[in-house]
Amino acid sequence: MVNVQIEVESWTTPEEIRQLQDVMNQAGIDAFLAAFKQMNKGTVRFMASRGWNLPIHAALTVPTEKGKKVLLFFNRQTWDPGSQIIRGRHFFMVIELTLNKKGTGEGRFYEDAQIQLDSMQGKIEMETYESTPKIFPRVQEVVKKTPGS
């Protein structure tokens, strides 16, 4: 088992999603991928012996009846230090965390996912995925205290 540390520095806004959609509509997929890659919302750290960092390009939180769902989106890339080959047909990776009101839950890591922008609702969703997701059986949310809080 590998411990994973996720640090979300900021959440993706509906305006940022609309801007991404505009880039896609006006300039195409290559410009969209470049703009998406420039967004920096935090980092996912795989705490293996060598460690591995994935930049988060979009981060959303969606309220649910029992807590919230956290969705993290990345350009697809190698994240496993033992692997140098990126396989798959989609451009993205997604981490989906399901947390209860106490901030505990589980998660899934989709390594080959297709996403869909909904600029009207200001959200990003995973449309489909190819490979079986990696499971995070225990997730615990830790909120950093800011000075003065």
C-alpha atoms as a PDB file:
ATOM      1  CA  MET A   1       0.000   0.000   0.000  1.00  0.00           C
ATOM      2  CA  VAL A   2       1.228   3.500  -0.829  1.00  0.00           C
ATOM      3  CA  ASN A   3       0.268   6.557   1.184  1.00  0.00           C
ATOM      4  CA  VAL A   4      -0.966   9.486  -0.857  1.00  0.00           C
ATOM      5  CA  GLN A   5      -0.950  13.103   0.285  1.00  0.00           C
ATOM      6  CA  ILE A   6      -3.206  15.540  -1.545  1.00  0.00           C
ATOM      7  CA  GLU A   7      -2.756  19.277  -1.155  1.00  0.00           C
ATOM      8  CA  VAL A   8      -5.417  21.444  -2.784  1.00  0.00           C
ATOM      9  CA  GLU A   9      -4.267  25.060  -2.801  1.00  0.00           C
ATOM     10  CA  SER A  10      -7.331  26.492  -4.567  1.00  0.00           C
ATOM     11  CA  TRP A  11     -10.565  25.326  -6.154  1.00  0.00           C
ATOM     12  CA  THR A  12     -11.439  25.726  -9.812  1.00  0.00           C
ATOM     13  CA  THR A  13     -14.025  28.450 -10.335  1.00  0.00           C
ATOM     14  CA  PRO A  14     -16.957  28.396 -12.764  1.00  0.00           C
ATOM     15  CA  GLU A  15     -15.295  31.316 -14.584  1.00  0.00           C
ATOM     16  CA  GLU A  16     -12.102  29.280 -15.121  1.00  0.00           C
ATOM     17  CA  ILE A  17     -14.198  26.443 -16.556  1.00  0.00           C
ATOM     18  CA  ARG A  18     -15.936  28.861 -18.926  1.00  0.00           C
ATOM     19  CA  GLN A  19     -12.532  30.201 -20.012  1.00  0.00           C
ATOM     20  CA  LEU A  20     -11.291  26.656 -20.702  1.00  0.00           C
ATOM     21  CA  GLN A  21     -14.428  25.938 -22.739  1.00  0.00           C
ATOM     22  CA  ASP A  22     -13.874  29.139 -24.738  1.00  0.00           C
ATOM     23  CA  VAL A  23     -10.279  28.097 -25.494  1.00  0.00           C
ATOM     24  CA  MET A  24     -11.501  24.678 -26.645  1.00  0.00           C
ATOM     25  CA  ASN A  25     -14.217  26.173 -28.843  1.00  0.00           C
ATOM     26  CA  GLN A  26     -12.029  28.873 -30.395  1.00  0.00           C
ATOM     27  CA  ALA A  27      -8.572  27.279 -30.639  1.00  0.00           C
ATOM     28  CA  GLY A  28      -9.039  23.500 -30.430  1.00  0.00           C
ATOM     29  CA  ILE A  29      -7.745  20.619 -28.338  1.00  0.00           C
ATOM     30  CA  ASP A  30      -4.031  21.498 -28.368  1.00  0.00           C
ATOM     31  CA  ALA A  31      -4.662  25.009 -27.040  1.00  0.00           C
ATOM     32  CA  PHE A  32      -7.106  23.598 -24.487  1.00  0.00           C
ATOM     33  CA  LEU A  33      -4.562  21.048 -23.234  1.00  0.00           C
ATOM     34  CA  ALA A  34      -1.907  23.772 -22.943  1.00  0.00           C
ATOM     35  CA  ALA A  35      -4.277  26.062 -21.002  1.00  0.00           C
ATOM     36  CA  PHE A  36      -5.404  23.170 -18.778  1.00  0.00           C
ATOM     37  CA  LYS A  37      -1.806  22.229 -18.024  1.00  0.00           C
ATOM     38  CA  GLN A  38      -1.035  25.828 -16.949  1.00  0.00           C
ATOM     39  CA  MET A  39      -3.672  25.707 -14.203  1.00  0.00           C
ATOM     40  CA  ASN A  40      -2.155  24.879 -10.823  1.00  0.00           C
ATOM     41  CA  LYS A  41      -4.561  23.904  -8.074  1.00  0.00           C
ATOM     42  CA  GLY A  42      -2.269  21.805  -5.900  1.00  0.00           C
ATOM     43  CA  THR A  43      -0.265  18.593  -5.790  1.00  0.00           C
ATOM     44  CA  VAL A  44      -0.823  14.882  -5.242  1.00  0.00           C
ATOM     45  CA  ARG A  45       2.182  13.177  -3.652  1.00  0.00           C
ATOM     46  CA  PHE A  46       2.651   9.430  -3.811  1.00  0.00           C
ATOM     47  CA  MET A  47       4.689   8.813  -0.664  1.00  0.00           C
ATOM     48  CA  ALA A  48       6.664   5.818  -1.972  1.00  0.00           C
ATOM     49  CA  SER A  49      10.387   5.500  -1.305  1.00  0.00           C
ATOM     50  CA  ARG A  50      11.183   7.847  -4.215  1.00  0.00           C
ATOM     51  CA  GLY A  51       7.984   9.844  -4.013  1.00  0.00           C
ATOM     52  CA  TRP A  52       6.110  11.149  -7.044  1.00  0.00           C
ATOM     53  CA  ASN A  53       4.297  14.457  -7.461  1.00  0.00           C
ATOM     54  CA  LEU A  54       1.374  15.099  -9.791  1.00  0.00           C
ATOM     55  CA  PRO A  55       0.254  18.687 -10.352  1.00  0.00           C
ATOM     56  CA  ILE A  56      -3.500  19.144  -9.960  1.00  0.00           C
ATOM     57  CA  HIS A  57      -4.869  21.159 -12.892  1.00  0.00           C
ATOM     58  CA  ALA A  58      -8.503  21.388 -11.770  1.00  0.00           C
ATOM     59  CA  ALA A  59     -10.138  20.751  -8.394  1.00  0.00           C
ATOM     60  CA  LEU A  60     -13.845  20.759  -7.580  1.00  0.00           C
ATOM     61  CA  THR A  61     -15.881  19.980  -4.506  1.00  0.00           C
ATOM     62  CA  VAL A  62     -19.513  18.900  -4.848  1.00  0.00           C
ATOM     63  CA  PRO A  63     -21.846  18.715  -1.811  1.00  0.00           C
ATOM     64  CA  THR A  64     -23.666  15.388  -1.303  1.00  0.00           C
ATOM     65  CA  GLU A  65     -26.324  14.258   1.144  1.00  0.00           C
ATOM     66  CA  LYS A  66     -23.741  12.591   3.374  1.00  0.00           C
ATOM     67  CA  GLY A  67     -20.804  14.994   2.924  1.00  0.00           C
ATOM     68  CA  LYS A  68     -18.999  15.900  -0.283  1.00  0.00           C
ATOM     69  CA  LYS A  69     -17.281  14.590  -3.366  1.00  0.00           C
ATOM     70  CA  VAL A  70     -13.858  15.984  -4.287  1.00  0.00           C
ATOM     71  CA  LEU A  71     -12.824  15.728  -7.941  1.00  0.00           C
ATOM     72  CA  LEU A  72      -9.207  16.295  -8.992  1.00  0.00           C
ATOM     73  CA  PHE A  73      -8.186  16.429 -12.647  1.00  0.00           C
ATOM     74  CA  PHE A  74      -4.727  15.985 -14.208  1.00  0.00           C
ATOM     75  CA  ASN A  75      -3.114  15.628 -17.606  1.00  0.00           C
ATOM     76  CA  ARG A  76      -2.406  11.927 -18.055  1.00  0.00           C
ATOM     77  CA  GLN A  77       1.217  11.201 -17.235  1.00  0.00           C
ATOM     78  CA  THR A  78       3.492   8.627 -15.680  1.00  0.00           C
ATOM     79  CA  TRP A  79       3.071   8.630 -11.902  1.00  0.00           C
ATOM     80  CA  ASP A  80       4.548   5.250 -10.978  1.00  0.00           C
ATOM     81  CA  PRO A  81       8.363   5.404 -10.571  1.00  0.00           C
ATOM     82  CA  GLY A  82       8.607   1.869 -11.999  1.00  0.00           C
ATOM     83  CA  SER A  83       6.813   2.733 -15.231  1.00  0.00           C
ATOM     84  CA  GLN A  84       7.994   4.942 -18.065  1.00  0.00           C
ATOM     85  CA  ILE A  85       5.259   4.110 -20.560  1.00  0.00           C
ATOM     86  CA  ILE A  86       1.941   5.952 -20.645  1.00  0.00           C
ATOM     87  CA  ARG A  87      -0.777   3.711 -22.015  1.00  0.00           C
ATOM     88  CA  GLY A  88      -4.334   4.656 -22.782  1.00  0.00           C
ATOM     89  CA  ARG A  89      -6.418   6.620 -25.210  1.00  0.00           C
ATOM     90  CA  HIS A  90      -7.652   9.542 -23.111  1.00  0.00           C
ATOM     91  CA  PHE A  91      -5.832  12.746 -22.149  1.00  0.00           C
ATOM     92  CA  PHE A  92      -6.661  12.871 -18.435  1.00  0.00           C
ATOM     93  CA  MET A  93      -6.466  11.259 -15.018  1.00  0.00           C
ATOM     94  CA  VAL A  94      -9.055  11.813 -12.280  1.00  0.00           C
ATOM     95  CA  ILE A  95      -9.100  11.272  -8.538  1.00  0.00           C
ATOM     96  CA  GLU A  96     -12.566  11.058  -7.022  1.00  0.00           C
ATOM     97  CA  LEU A  97     -12.861  11.210  -3.224  1.00  0.00           C
ATOM     98  CA  THR A  98     -16.127  10.562  -1.403  1.00  0.00           C
ATOM     99  CA  LEU A  99     -16.055  12.075   2.089  1.00  0.00           C
ATOM    100  CA  ASN A 100     -18.635  12.055   4.873  1.00  0.00           C
ATOM    101  CA  LYS A 101     -19.381  15.074   7.086  1.00  0.00           C
ATOM    102  CA  LYS A 102     -16.460  14.078   9.361  1.00  0.00           C
ATOM    103  CA  GLY A 103     -14.034  14.199   6.418  1.00  0.00           C
ATOM    104  CA  THR A 104     -13.433  10.452   6.138  1.00  0.00           C
ATOM    105  CA  GLY A 105     -14.227   8.178   3.233  1.00  0.00           C
ATOM    106  CA  GLU A 106     -12.703   6.473   0.227  1.00  0.00           C
ATOM    107  CA  GLY A 107     -11.380   7.333  -3.188  1.00  0.00           C
ATOM    108  CA  ARG A 108     -10.660   6.132  -6.682  1.00  0.00           C
ATOM    109  CA  PHE A 109      -7.838   7.017  -9.066  1.00  0.00           C
ATOM    110  CA  TYR A 110      -8.712   6.773 -12.759  1.00  0.00           C
ATOM    111  CA  GLU A 111      -5.505   6.718 -14.828  1.00  0.00           C
ATOM    112  CA  ASP A 112      -7.111   6.939 -18.277  1.00  0.00           C
ATOM    113  CA  ALA A 113     -10.170   9.180 -18.209  1.00  0.00           C
ATOM    114  CA  GLN A 114     -12.123  11.443 -20.503  1.00  0.00           C
ATOM    115  CA  ILE A 115     -13.570  14.612 -18.999  1.00  0.00           C
ATOM    116  CA  GLN A 116     -16.410  16.886 -20.009  1.00  0.00           C
ATOM    117  CA  LEU A 117     -16.719  20.596 -19.296  1.00  0.00           C
ATOM    118  CA  ASP A 118     -20.125  22.015 -18.422  1.00  0.00           C
ATOM    119  CA  SER A 119     -19.595  25.749 -18.741  1.00  0.00           C
ATOM    120  CA  MET A 120     -23.278  26.492 -18.064  1.00  0.00           C
ATOM    121  CA  GLN A 121     -23.121  24.763 -14.668  1.00  0.00           C
ATOM    122  CA  GLY A 122     -19.483  25.702 -14.081  1.00  0.00           C
ATOM    123  CA  LYS A 123     -18.284  22.165 -13.494  1.00  0.00           C
ATOM    124  CA  ILE A 124     -16.079  19.425 -14.885  1.00  0.00           C
ATOM    125  CA  GLU A 125     -17.144  15.788 -14.883  1.00  0.00           C
ATOM    126  CA  MET A 126     -15.521  12.506 -15.759  1.00  0.00           C
ATOM    127  CA  GLU A 127     -17.296  11.282 -18.862  1.00  0.00           C
ATOM    128  CA  THR A 128     -15.727   7.827 -19.132  1.00  0.00           C
ATOM    129  CA  TYR A 129     -12.613   5.861 -18.239  1.00  0.00           C
ATOM    130  CA  GLU A 130     -10.760   2.878 -19.659  1.00  0.00           C
ATOM    131  CA  SER A 131      -8.780   1.055 -16.985  1.00  0.00           C
ATOM    132  CA  THR A 132      -9.883  -0.260 -13.613  1.00  0.00           C
ATOM    133  CA  PRO A 133      -9.411   2.492 -11.019  1.00  0.00           C
ATOM    134  CA  LYS A 134      -6.926   2.240  -8.176  1.00  0.00           C
ATOM    135  CA  ILE A 135      -8.779   2.242  -4.858  1.00  0.00           C
ATOM    136  CA  PHE A 136      -7.951   4.469  -1.889  1.00  0.00           C
ATOM    137  CA  PRO A 137      -9.711   2.489   0.878  1.00  0.00           C
ATOM    138  CA  ARG A 138      -9.169   5.061   3.642  1.00  0.00           C
ATOM    139  CA  VAL A 139      -9.212   8.792   3.048  1.00  0.00           C
ATOM    140  CA  GLN A 140      -8.962  11.421   5.788  1.00  0.00           C
ATOM    141  CA  GLU A 141      -9.404  15.110   5.093  1.00  0.00           C
ATOM    142  CA  VAL A 142      -6.992  17.367   6.954  1.00  0.00           C
ATOM    143  CA  VAL A 143      -7.570  21.101   6.718  1.00  0.00           C
ATOM    144  CA  LYS A 144      -4.475  23.228   7.200  1.00  0.00           C
ATOM    145  CA  LYS A 145      -4.921  25.977   9.735  1.00  0.00           C
ATOM    146  CA  THR A 146      -4.111  29.392   8.397  1.00  0.00           C
ATOM    147  CA  PRO A 147      -2.392  31.961  10.613  1.00  0.00           C
ATOM    148  CA  GLY A 148      -4.948  33.704  12.783  1.00  0.00           C
ATOM    149  CA  SER A 149      -7.540  30.892  12.649  1.00  0.00           C
END
